[in-house]
Amino acid sequence: MVDDNFDNAEIICQFLESRGHPVLVAHDGDEALAAFETVRPILVLLDVMMPGRNGWDVCRVMKQHPEHGRNVRVIMVTALGEWDDKQQALQTGADDYITKPVDLPDLALRVERNLALLTTTE
């Protein structure tokens, strides 16, 4: 989970952990990329508007990673809800997109769907 808003990150983290998903939280793009190199997550929930590296850039770097880029699913979690924003997410390599405020049951469905897609492509 990558979000510069500590409250948003905490709510989503607790929600997913209560459903049995281990969660690591990063609060900016550089922290997220450093964790990506060491933890090798299979799913990343990624905010767009963050100080420093924005989510578009972080997504692009993750998805283009020579070893792990093909093995990670990225769900953009953002307040940006315009069609152009969704189009940009796809262009950066995002696999899914959900707008804030986050509907937690919808988030759970998207997480499960993206995890299932990983297991069917391995």
Protein backbone atom coordinates (compact mmCIF):
# COMPACT_ATOMS: atom_id res chain seq x y z
CA MET A 1 0.00 0.00 0.00
CA VAL A 2 1.47 3.34 -1.07
CA ASP A 3 -0.27 6.50 0.12
CA ASP A 4 1.08 9.73 1.59
CA ASN A 5 -2.11 10.10 3.64
CA PHE A 6 -1.43 8.15 6.82
CA ASP A 7 -5.14 7.80 7.68
CA ASN A 8 -6.05 6.36 4.26
CA ALA A 9 -3.14 3.95 4.42
CA GLU A 10 -4.05 2.81 7.93
CA ILE A 11 -7.72 2.21 7.10
CA ILE A 12 -6.92 0.16 3.99
CA CYS A 13 -4.10 -1.68 5.76
CA GLN A 14 -6.31 -2.72 8.68
CA PHE A 15 -9.13 -3.70 6.32
CA LEU A 16 -6.91 -5.94 4.19
CA GLU A 17 -5.07 -7.43 7.15
CA SER A 18 -8.42 -8.34 8.74
CA ARG A 19 -9.03 -10.40 5.59
CA GLY A 20 -5.73 -12.25 5.87
CA HIS A 21 -3.62 -10.18 3.48
CA PRO A 22 -0.20 -9.12 4.77
CA VAL A 23 0.36 -5.42 4.05
CA LEU A 24 3.46 -3.26 3.94
CA VAL A 25 2.85 0.50 3.86
CA ALA A 26 5.01 3.10 2.12
CA HIS A 27 4.20 6.80 2.29
CA ASP A 28 5.95 8.09 -0.82
CA GLY A 29 7.20 6.92 -4.17
CA ASP A 30 10.86 6.51 -3.25
CA GLU A 31 9.98 4.49 -0.15
CA ALA A 32 7.68 2.34 -2.29
CA LEU A 33 10.37 1.66 -4.90
CA ALA A 34 12.92 0.76 -2.22
CA ALA A 35 10.45 -1.70 -0.68
CA PHE A 36 9.63 -3.06 -4.14
CA GLU A 37 13.28 -4.02 -4.61
CA THR A 38 13.52 -5.92 -1.34
CA VAL A 39 10.01 -7.25 -0.65
CA ARG A 40 8.94 -8.09 -4.24
CA PRO A 41 5.20 -7.66 -3.66
CA ILE A 42 2.77 -9.37 -6.00
CA LEU A 43 0.14 -6.64 -5.62
CA VAL A 44 0.59 -2.90 -5.08
CA LEU A 45 -2.14 -0.43 -4.16
CA LEU A 46 -0.77 2.89 -5.36
CA ASP A 47 -1.89 6.47 -4.80
CA VAL A 48 -1.20 8.92 -7.62
CA MET A 49 -0.82 12.33 -5.99
CA MET A 50 2.17 12.12 -3.65
CA PRO A 51 5.09 14.43 -2.96
CA GLY A 52 8.23 13.59 -4.91
CA ARG A 53 7.64 10.72 -7.30
CA ASN A 54 3.99 10.50 -8.20
CA GLY A 55 2.10 7.25 -8.63
CA TRP A 56 2.29 7.37 -12.43
CA ASP A 57 6.09 7.36 -12.26
CA VAL A 58 6.21 4.69 -9.55
CA CYS A 59 3.87 2.43 -11.53
CA ARG A 60 5.92 2.84 -14.69
CA VAL A 61 9.17 1.98 -12.87
CA MET A 62 7.63 -1.07 -11.18
CA LYS A 63 6.03 -2.45 -14.33
CA GLN A 64 9.22 -1.95 -16.36
CA HIS A 65 11.41 -3.70 -13.79
CA PRO A 66 13.43 -6.28 -15.76
CA GLU A 67 12.97 -9.11 -13.25
CA HIS A 68 9.79 -8.42 -11.34
CA GLY A 69 7.72 -6.11 -13.54
CA ARG A 70 5.75 -8.92 -15.15
CA ASN A 71 4.96 -10.52 -11.77
CA VAL A 72 3.30 -7.58 -10.04
CA ARG A 73 -0.25 -6.24 -10.32
CA VAL A 74 -0.77 -2.53 -9.66
CA ILE A 75 -4.09 -1.07 -8.59
CA MET A 76 -4.17 2.72 -8.69
CA VAL A 77 -6.10 4.09 -5.68
CA THR A 78 -6.68 7.78 -6.27
CA ALA A 79 -9.01 10.74 -5.96
CA LEU A 80 -8.50 11.34 -9.69
CA GLY A 81 -11.61 10.01 -11.36
CA GLU A 82 -11.67 11.52 -14.84
CA TRP A 83 -11.48 9.38 -17.97
CA ASP A 84 -8.08 10.91 -18.86
CA ASP A 85 -6.72 9.85 -15.46
CA LYS A 86 -7.85 6.26 -16.01
CA GLN A 87 -6.32 6.33 -19.48
CA GLN A 88 -3.01 7.55 -18.05
CA ALA A 89 -3.09 4.75 -15.49
CA LEU A 90 -3.36 2.18 -18.27
CA GLN A 91 -0.56 3.86 -20.20
CA THR A 92 1.76 3.62 -17.18
CA GLY A 93 1.01 -0.08 -16.83
CA ALA A 94 -1.61 -0.14 -14.08
CA ASP A 95 -3.78 -3.23 -13.99
CA ASP A 96 -6.78 -1.76 -12.19
CA TYR A 97 -8.10 1.56 -10.94
CA ILE A 98 -10.26 2.56 -7.98
CA THR A 99 -11.28 6.05 -6.93
CA LYS A 100 -11.32 7.61 -3.48
CA PRO A 101 -13.12 7.66 -1.23
CA VAL A 102 -12.51 3.93 -1.39
CA ASP A 103 -15.47 1.60 -1.20
CA LEU A 104 -13.87 -1.12 0.95
CA PRO A 105 -16.02 -4.04 -0.31
CA ASP A 106 -15.17 -3.01 -3.90
CA LEU A 107 -11.49 -2.80 -2.97
CA ALA A 108 -11.65 -6.32 -1.50
CA LEU A 109 -13.18 -7.64 -4.73
CA ARG A 110 -10.51 -5.96 -6.85
CA VAL A 111 -7.70 -7.26 -4.65
CA GLU A 112 -9.07 -10.81 -4.84
CA ARG A 113 -9.59 -10.56 -8.62
CA ASN A 114 -6.06 -9.30 -9.22
CA LEU A 115 -4.54 -11.95 -6.94
CA ALA A 116 -6.54 -14.63 -8.78
CA LEU A 117 -5.23 -13.35 -12.11
CA LEU A 118 -1.67 -13.79 -10.81
CA THR A 119 -2.24 -17.40 -9.88
CA THR A 120 -3.81 -18.24 -13.23
CA THR A 121 -0.91 -16.78 -15.23
CA GLU A 122 1.95 -18.38 -13.32
